[in-house]
Amino acid sequence: MSAGWRIAVDAGRCIGSGGCVGMAPAHFRLESGAATPIAATVEPTETVIDAAESCPVEAITVRDDDGDLVAPA
């Protein structure tokens, strides 16, 4: 059984635009002006990829079980 995808946000890079929260509120929230994942591991979903790829500073990374980068492309 798949453990899912791992989501990470580089707090030093995040500018707190909130796009990921607006696009994927079940997966991201803003804390102290920066995005943070609600859960470190999630079921694979296009919504998480879209949020990572829409980040203006590419602060969000999504990796699969093997540690390979899923997003941003």
PDB file of N, CA and C in Angstrom:
ATOM      1  N   MET A   1       0.827  -1.182   0.000  1.00  0.00           N
ATOM      2  CA  MET A   1       0.000   0.000   0.000  1.00  0.00           C
ATOM      3  C   MET A   1       0.872   1.246   0.000  1.00  0.00           C
ATOM      4  N   SER A   2       0.509   2.229  -0.774  1.00  0.00           N
ATOM      5  CA  SER A   2       1.277   3.456  -0.901  1.00  0.00           C
ATOM      6  C   SER A   2       1.128   4.313   0.347  1.00  0.00           C
ATOM      7  N   ALA A   3       2.236   4.910   0.761  1.00  0.00           N
ATOM      8  CA  ALA A   3       2.204   5.807   1.909  1.00  0.00           C
ATOM      9  C   ALA A   3       1.748   7.199   1.502  1.00  0.00           C
ATOM     10  N   GLY A   4       1.672   7.456   0.209  1.00  0.00           N
ATOM     11  CA  GLY A   4       1.240   8.764  -0.278  1.00  0.00           C
ATOM     12  C   GLY A   4       2.397   9.665  -0.648  1.00  0.00           C
ATOM     13  N   TRP A   5       2.074  10.918  -0.825  1.00  0.00           N
ATOM     14  CA  TRP A   5       3.068  11.926  -1.191  1.00  0.00           C
ATOM     15  C   TRP A   5       3.455  12.724   0.039  1.00  0.00           C
ATOM     16  N   ARG A   6       4.716  13.158   0.071  1.00  0.00           N
ATOM     17  CA  ARG A   6       5.194  14.012   1.149  1.00  0.00           C
ATOM     18  C   ARG A   6       5.218  15.461   0.655  1.00  0.00           C
ATOM     19  N   ILE A   7       4.602  16.340   1.419  1.00  0.00           N
ATOM     20  CA  ILE A   7       4.546  17.763   1.083  1.00  0.00           C
ATOM     21  C   ILE A   7       5.490  18.511   2.026  1.00  0.00           C
ATOM     22  N   ALA A   8       6.266  19.424   1.466  1.00  0.00           N
ATOM     23  CA  ALA A   8       7.126  20.277   2.289  1.00  0.00           C
ATOM     24  C   ALA A   8       7.035  21.706   1.773  1.00  0.00           C
ATOM     25  N   VAL A   9       7.138  22.656   2.696  1.00  0.00           N
ATOM     26  CA  VAL A   9       7.178  24.066   2.345  1.00  0.00           C
ATOM     27  C   VAL A   9       8.463  24.642   2.913  1.00  0.00           C
ATOM     28  N   ASP A  10       9.258  25.264   2.058  1.00  0.00           N
ATOM     29  CA  ASP A  10      10.489  25.924   2.485  1.00  0.00           C
ATOM     30  C   ASP A  10      10.099  27.269   3.090  1.00  0.00           C
ATOM     31  N   ALA A  11      10.084  27.332   4.428  1.00  0.00           N
ATOM     32  CA  ALA A  11       9.632  28.542   5.136  1.00  0.00           C
ATOM     33  C   ALA A  11      10.508  29.756   4.815  1.00  0.00           C
ATOM     34  N   GLY A  12      11.773  29.528   4.519  1.00  0.00           N
ATOM     35  CA  GLY A  12      12.662  30.632   4.178  1.00  0.00           C
ATOM     36  C   GLY A  12      12.388  31.206   2.802  1.00  0.00           C
ATOM     37  N   ARG A  13      11.756  30.431   1.970  1.00  0.00           N
ATOM     38  CA  ARG A  13      11.459  30.851   0.605  1.00  0.00           C
ATOM     39  C   ARG A  13      10.022  31.357   0.448  1.00  0.00           C
ATOM     40  N   CYS A  14       9.101  30.830   1.274  1.00  0.00           N
ATOM     41  CA  CYS A  14       7.682  31.170   1.176  1.00  0.00           C
ATOM     42  C   CYS A  14       7.467  32.658   1.442  1.00  0.00           C
ATOM     43  N   ILE A  15       6.657  33.298   0.596  1.00  0.00           N
ATOM     44  CA  ILE A  15       6.347  34.721   0.761  1.00  0.00           C
ATOM     45  C   ILE A  15       4.930  34.927   1.294  1.00  0.00           C
ATOM     46  N   GLY A  16       4.228  33.828   1.603  1.00  0.00           N
ATOM     47  CA  GLY A  16       2.899  33.920   2.192  1.00  0.00           C
ATOM     48  C   GLY A  16       1.830  34.453   1.262  1.00  0.00           C
ATOM     49  N   SER A  17       1.945  34.167  -0.028  1.00  0.00           N
ATOM     50  CA  SER A  17       0.958  34.662  -0.988  1.00  0.00           C
ATOM     51  C   SER A  17      -0.424  34.074  -0.736  1.00  0.00           C
ATOM     52  N   GLY A  18      -0.469  32.872  -0.153  1.00  0.00           N
ATOM     53  CA  GLY A  18      -1.740  32.240   0.163  1.00  0.00           C
ATOM     54  C   GLY A  18      -2.391  31.512  -0.988  1.00  0.00           C
ATOM     55  N   GLY A  19      -1.757  31.489  -2.139  1.00  0.00           N
ATOM     56  CA  GLY A  19      -2.333  30.801  -3.296  1.00  0.00           C
ATOM     57  C   GLY A  19      -2.577  29.330  -3.032  1.00  0.00           C
ATOM     58  N   CYS A  20      -1.653  28.691  -2.328  1.00  0.00           N
ATOM     59  CA  CYS A  20      -1.809  27.265  -2.034  1.00  0.00           C
ATOM     60  C   CYS A  20      -2.990  27.028  -1.097  1.00  0.00           C
ATOM     61  N   VAL A  21      -3.196  27.940  -0.153  1.00  0.00           N
ATOM     62  CA  VAL A  21      -4.311  27.818   0.784  1.00  0.00           C
ATOM     63  C   VAL A  21      -5.630  27.985   0.036  1.00  0.00           C
ATOM     64  N   GLY A  22      -5.681  28.947  -0.876  1.00  0.00           N
ATOM     65  CA  GLY A  22      -6.890  29.158  -1.662  1.00  0.00           C
ATOM     66  C   GLY A  22      -7.181  27.998  -2.600  1.00  0.00           C
ATOM     67  N   MET A  23      -6.118  27.412  -3.139  1.00  0.00           N
ATOM     68  CA  MET A  23      -6.272  26.327  -4.106  1.00  0.00           C
ATOM     69  C   MET A  23      -6.487  24.972  -3.441  1.00  0.00           C
ATOM     70  N   ALA A  24      -5.840  24.755  -2.315  1.00  0.00           N
ATOM     71  CA  ALA A  24      -5.906  23.451  -1.640  1.00  0.00           C
ATOM     72  C   ALA A  24      -6.046  23.641  -0.125  1.00  0.00           C
ATOM     73  N   PRO A  25      -7.181  24.208   0.321  1.00  0.00           N
ATOM     74  CA  PRO A  25      -7.339  24.493   1.751  1.00  0.00           C
ATOM     75  C   PRO A  25      -7.343  23.251   2.648  1.00  0.00           C
ATOM     76  N   ALA A  26      -7.585  22.095   2.079  1.00  0.00           N
ATOM     77  CA  ALA A  26      -7.534  20.863   2.870  1.00  0.00           C
ATOM     78  C   ALA A  26      -6.101  20.419   3.125  1.00  0.00           C
ATOM     79  N   HIS A  27      -5.132  21.040   2.413  1.00  0.00           N
ATOM     80  CA  HIS A  27      -3.747  20.599   2.511  1.00  0.00           C
ATOM     81  C   HIS A  27      -2.768  21.652   3.027  1.00  0.00           C
ATOM     82  N   PHE A  28      -3.152  22.943   2.967  1.00  0.00           N
ATOM     83  CA  PHE A  28      -2.252  24.020   3.398  1.00  0.00           C
ATOM     84  C   PHE A  28      -2.982  25.032   4.264  1.00  0.00           C
ATOM     85  N   ARG A  29      -2.233  25.678   5.153  1.00  0.00           N
ATOM     86  CA  ARG A  29      -2.752  26.805   5.936  1.00  0.00           C
ATOM     87  C   ARG A  29      -1.623  27.818   6.102  1.00  0.00           C
ATOM     88  N   LEU A  30      -1.976  29.046   6.426  1.00  0.00           N
ATOM     89  CA  LEU A  30      -0.979  30.075   6.700  1.00  0.00           C
ATOM     90  C   LEU A  30      -0.766  30.162   8.205  1.00  0.00           C
ATOM     91  N   GLU A  31       0.495  30.156   8.611  1.00  0.00           N
ATOM     92  CA  GLU A  31       0.866  30.323  10.014  1.00  0.00           C
ATOM     93  C   GLU A  31       1.991  31.332  10.068  1.00  0.00           C
ATOM     94  N   SER A  32       1.796  32.386  10.826  1.00  0.00           N
ATOM     95  CA  SER A  32       2.817  33.434  10.972  1.00  0.00           C
ATOM     96  C   SER A  32       3.273  33.960   9.619  1.00  0.00           C
ATOM     97  N   GLY A  33       2.346  34.093   8.689  1.00  0.00           N
ATOM     98  CA  GLY A  33       2.652  34.671   7.387  1.00  0.00           C
ATOM     99  C   GLY A  33       3.288  33.744   6.381  1.00  0.00           C
ATOM    100  N   ALA A  34       3.398  32.463   6.701  1.00  0.00           N
ATOM    101  CA  ALA A  34       3.983  31.495   5.762  1.00  0.00           C
ATOM    102  C   ALA A  34       3.076  30.274   5.661  1.00  0.00           C
ATOM    103  N   ALA A  35       3.099  29.649   4.499  1.00  0.00           N
ATOM    104  CA  ALA A  35       2.308  28.437   4.296  1.00  0.00           C
ATOM    105  C   ALA A  35       2.950  27.273   5.031  1.00  0.00           C
ATOM    106  N   THR A  36       2.097  26.376   5.466  1.00  0.00           N
ATOM    107  CA  THR A  36       2.559  25.141   6.091  1.00  0.00           C
ATOM    108  C   THR A  36       1.603  24.026   5.694  1.00  0.00           C
ATOM    109  N   PRO A  37       2.120  22.824   5.481  1.00  0.00           N
ATOM    110  CA  PRO A  37       1.219  21.723   5.151  1.00  0.00           C
ATOM    111  C   PRO A  37       0.402  21.323   6.378  1.00  0.00           C
ATOM    112  N   ILE A  38      -0.862  20.980   6.171  1.00  0.00           N
ATOM    113  CA  ILE A  38      -1.702  20.511   7.268  1.00  0.00           C
ATOM    114  C   ILE A  38      -1.240  19.116   7.691  1.00  0.00           C
ATOM    115  N   ALA A  39      -0.855  18.299   6.722  1.00  0.00           N
ATOM    116  CA  ALA A  39      -0.306  16.966   6.995  1.00  0.00           C
ATOM    117  C   ALA A  39       0.931  16.785   6.134  1.00  0.00           C
ATOM    118  N   ALA A  40       1.951  16.157   6.673  1.00  0.00           N
ATOM    119  CA  ALA A  40       3.196  15.963   5.924  1.00  0.00           C
ATOM    120  C   ALA A  40       3.036  14.956   4.792  1.00  0.00           C
ATOM    121  N   THR A  41       2.115  14.003   4.968  1.00  0.00           N
ATOM    122  CA  THR A  41       1.875  12.984   3.954  1.00  0.00           C
ATOM    123  C   THR A  41       0.405  13.027   3.561  1.00  0.00           C
ATOM    124  N   VAL A  42       0.167  12.999   2.244  1.00  0.00           N
ATOM    125  CA  VAL A  42      -1.205  13.057   1.732  1.00  0.00           C
ATOM    126  C   VAL A  42      -1.408  12.003   0.655  1.00  0.00           C
ATOM    127  N   GLU A  43      -2.657  11.667   0.427  1.00  0.00           N
ATOM    128  CA  GLU A  43      -2.983  10.803  -0.699  1.00  0.00           C
ATOM    129  C   GLU A  43      -2.701  11.585  -1.981  1.00  0.00           C
ATOM    130  N   PRO A  44      -2.177  10.933  -3.006  1.00  0.00           N
ATOM    131  CA  PRO A  44      -1.914  11.632  -4.264  1.00  0.00           C
ATOM    132  C   PRO A  44      -3.175  12.289  -4.825  1.00  0.00           C
ATOM    133  N   THR A  45      -3.062  13.561  -5.162  1.00  0.00           N
ATOM    134  CA  THR A  45      -4.173  14.308  -5.729  1.00  0.00           C
ATOM    135  C   THR A  45      -3.655  15.448  -6.599  1.00  0.00           C
ATOM    136  N   GLU A  46      -4.342  15.689  -7.667  1.00  0.00           N
ATOM    137  CA  GLU A  46      -3.964  16.750  -8.605  1.00  0.00           C
ATOM    138  C   GLU A  46      -3.978  18.121  -7.932  1.00  0.00           C
ATOM    139  N   THR A  47      -4.827  18.294  -6.927  1.00  0.00           N
ATOM    140  CA  THR A  47      -4.927  19.574  -6.228  1.00  0.00           C
ATOM    141  C   THR A  47      -3.591  19.975  -5.592  1.00  0.00           C
ATOM    142  N   VAL A  48      -2.899  19.007  -5.011  1.00  0.00           N
ATOM    143  CA  VAL A  48      -1.605  19.279  -4.377  1.00  0.00           C
ATOM    144  C   VAL A  48      -0.568  19.654  -5.439  1.00  0.00           C
ATOM    145  N   ILE A  49      -0.589  18.970  -6.567  1.00  0.00           N
ATOM    146  CA  ILE A  49       0.329  19.311  -7.667  1.00  0.00           C
ATOM    147  C   ILE A  49       0.049  20.723  -8.151  1.00  0.00           C
ATOM    148  N   ASP A  50      -1.221  21.054  -8.352  1.00  0.00           N
ATOM    149  CA  ASP A  50      -1.582  22.393  -8.823  1.00  0.00           C
ATOM    150  C   ASP A  50      -1.106  23.466  -7.850  1.00  0.00           C
ATOM    151  N   ALA A  51      -1.271  23.228  -6.560  1.00  0.00           N
ATOM    152  CA  ALA A  51      -0.839  24.203  -5.553  1.00  0.00           C
ATOM    153  C   ALA A  51       0.672  24.388  -5.593  1.00  0.00           C
ATOM    154  N   ALA A  52       1.417  23.289  -5.694  1.00  0.00           N
ATOM    155  CA  ALA A  52       2.878  23.383  -5.746  1.00  0.00           C
ATOM    156  C   ALA A  52       3.340  24.112  -7.000  1.00  0.00           C
ATOM    157  N   GLU A  53       2.705  23.802  -8.120  1.00  0.00           N
ATOM    158  CA  GLU A  53       3.123  24.421  -9.379  1.00  0.00           C
ATOM    159  C   GLU A  53       2.683  25.880  -9.488  1.00  0.00           C
ATOM    160  N   SER A  54       1.692  26.296  -8.698  1.00  0.00           N
ATOM    161  CA  SER A  54       1.248  27.683  -8.760  1.00  0.00           C
ATOM    162  C   SER A  54       2.003  28.582  -7.779  1.00  0.00           C
ATOM    163  N   CYS A  55       2.803  28.006  -6.906  1.00  0.00           N
ATOM    164  CA  CYS A  55       3.556  28.803  -5.933  1.00  0.00           C
ATOM    165  C   CYS A  55       4.514  29.732  -6.687  1.00  0.00           C
ATOM    166  N   PRO A  56       4.398  31.053  -6.459  1.00  0.00           N
ATOM    167  CA  PRO A  56       5.221  31.997  -7.224  1.00  0.00           C
ATOM    168  C   PRO A  56       6.717  31.906  -6.947  1.00  0.00           C
ATOM    169  N   VAL A  57       7.112  31.317  -5.818  1.00  0.00           N
ATOM    170  CA  VAL A  57       8.535  31.199  -5.490  1.00  0.00           C
ATOM    171  C   VAL A  57       8.998  29.749  -5.374  1.00  0.00           C
ATOM    172  N   GLU A  58       8.151  28.809  -5.827  1.00  0.00           N
ATOM    173  CA  GLU A  58       8.455  27.375  -5.791  1.00  0.00           C
ATOM    174  C   GLU A  58       8.907  26.917  -4.407  1.00  0.00           C
ATOM    175  N   ALA A  59       8.187  27.374  -3.375  1.00  0.00           N
ATOM    176  CA  ALA A  59       8.521  26.993  -2.001  1.00  0.00           C
ATOM    177  C   ALA A  59       7.957  25.631  -1.614  1.00  0.00           C
ATOM    178  N   ILE A  60       7.011  25.119  -2.402  1.00  0.00           N
ATOM    179  CA  ILE A  60       6.349  23.849  -2.090  1.00  0.00           C
ATOM    180  C   ILE A  60       6.961  22.733  -2.925  1.00  0.00           C
ATOM    181  N   THR A  61       7.296  21.634  -2.262  1.00  0.00           N
ATOM    182  CA  THR A  61       7.736  20.452  -2.999  1.00  0.00           C
ATOM    183  C   THR A  61       6.835  19.276  -2.618  1.00  0.00           C
ATOM    184  N   VAL A  62       6.583  18.446  -3.605  1.00  0.00           N
ATOM    185  CA  VAL A  62       5.802  17.231  -3.416  1.00  0.00           C
ATOM    186  C   VAL A  62       6.668  16.078  -3.899  1.00  0.00           C
ATOM    187  N   ARG A  63       6.856  15.078  -3.030  1.00  0.00           N
ATOM    188  CA  ARG A  63       7.696  13.923  -3.369  1.00  0.00           C
ATOM    189  C   ARG A  63       6.917  12.635  -3.176  1.00  0.00           C
ATOM    190  N   ASP A  64       7.254  11.630  -4.008  1.00  0.00           N
ATOM    191  CA  ASP A  64       6.584  10.332  -3.900  1.00  0.00           C
ATOM    192  C   ASP A  64       7.277   9.454  -2.861  1.00  0.00           C
ATOM    193  N   ASP A  65       6.822   8.218  -2.744  1.00  0.00           N
ATOM    194  CA  ASP A  65       7.368   7.275  -1.761  1.00  0.00           C
ATOM    195  C   ASP A  65       8.871   7.069  -1.893  1.00  0.00           C
ATOM    196  N   ASP A  66       9.374   7.174  -3.109  1.00  0.00           N
ATOM    197  CA  ASP A  66      10.795   6.953  -3.363  1.00  0.00           C
ATOM    198  C   ASP A  66      11.622   8.223  -3.160  1.00  0.00           C
ATOM    199  N   GLY A  67      10.965   9.326  -2.841  1.00  0.00           N
ATOM    200  CA  GLY A  67      11.674  10.599  -2.677  1.00  0.00           C
ATOM    201  C   GLY A  67      11.851  11.366  -3.978  1.00  0.00           C
ATOM    202  N   ASP A  68      11.251  10.853  -5.061  1.00  0.00           N
ATOM    203  CA  ASP A  68      11.354  11.537  -6.349  1.00  0.00           C
ATOM    204  C   ASP A  68      10.403  12.719  -6.383  1.00  0.00           C
ATOM    205  N   LEU A  69      10.853  13.806  -6.989  1.00  0.00           N
ATOM    206  CA  LEU A  69      10.052  15.017  -7.090  1.00  0.00           C
ATOM    207  C   LEU A  69       8.856  14.808  -8.001  1.00  0.00           C
ATOM    208  N   VAL A  70       7.666  15.100  -7.479  1.00  0.00           N
ATOM    209  CA  VAL A  70       6.429  15.029  -8.256  1.00  0.00           C
ATOM    210  C   VAL A  70       6.094  16.423  -8.773  1.00  0.00           C
ATOM    211  N   ALA A  71       6.251  17.433  -7.901  1.00  0.00           N
ATOM    212  CA  ALA A  71       5.960  18.817  -8.268  1.00  0.00           C
ATOM    213  C   ALA A  71       6.801  19.733  -7.396  1.00  0.00           C
ATOM    214  N   PRO A  72       7.184  20.891  -7.877  1.00  0.00           N
ATOM    215  CA  PRO A  72       6.870  21.413  -9.214  1.00  0.00           C
ATOM    216  C   PRO A  72       7.698  20.720 -10.287  1.00  0.00           C
ATOM    217  N   ALA A  73       7.131  20.705 -11.488  1.00  0.00           N
ATOM    218  CA  ALA A  73       7.785  20.044 -12.622  1.00  0.00           C
ATOM    219  C   ALA A  73       8.999  20.842 -13.076  1.00  0.00           C
TER     220      ALA A  73
END
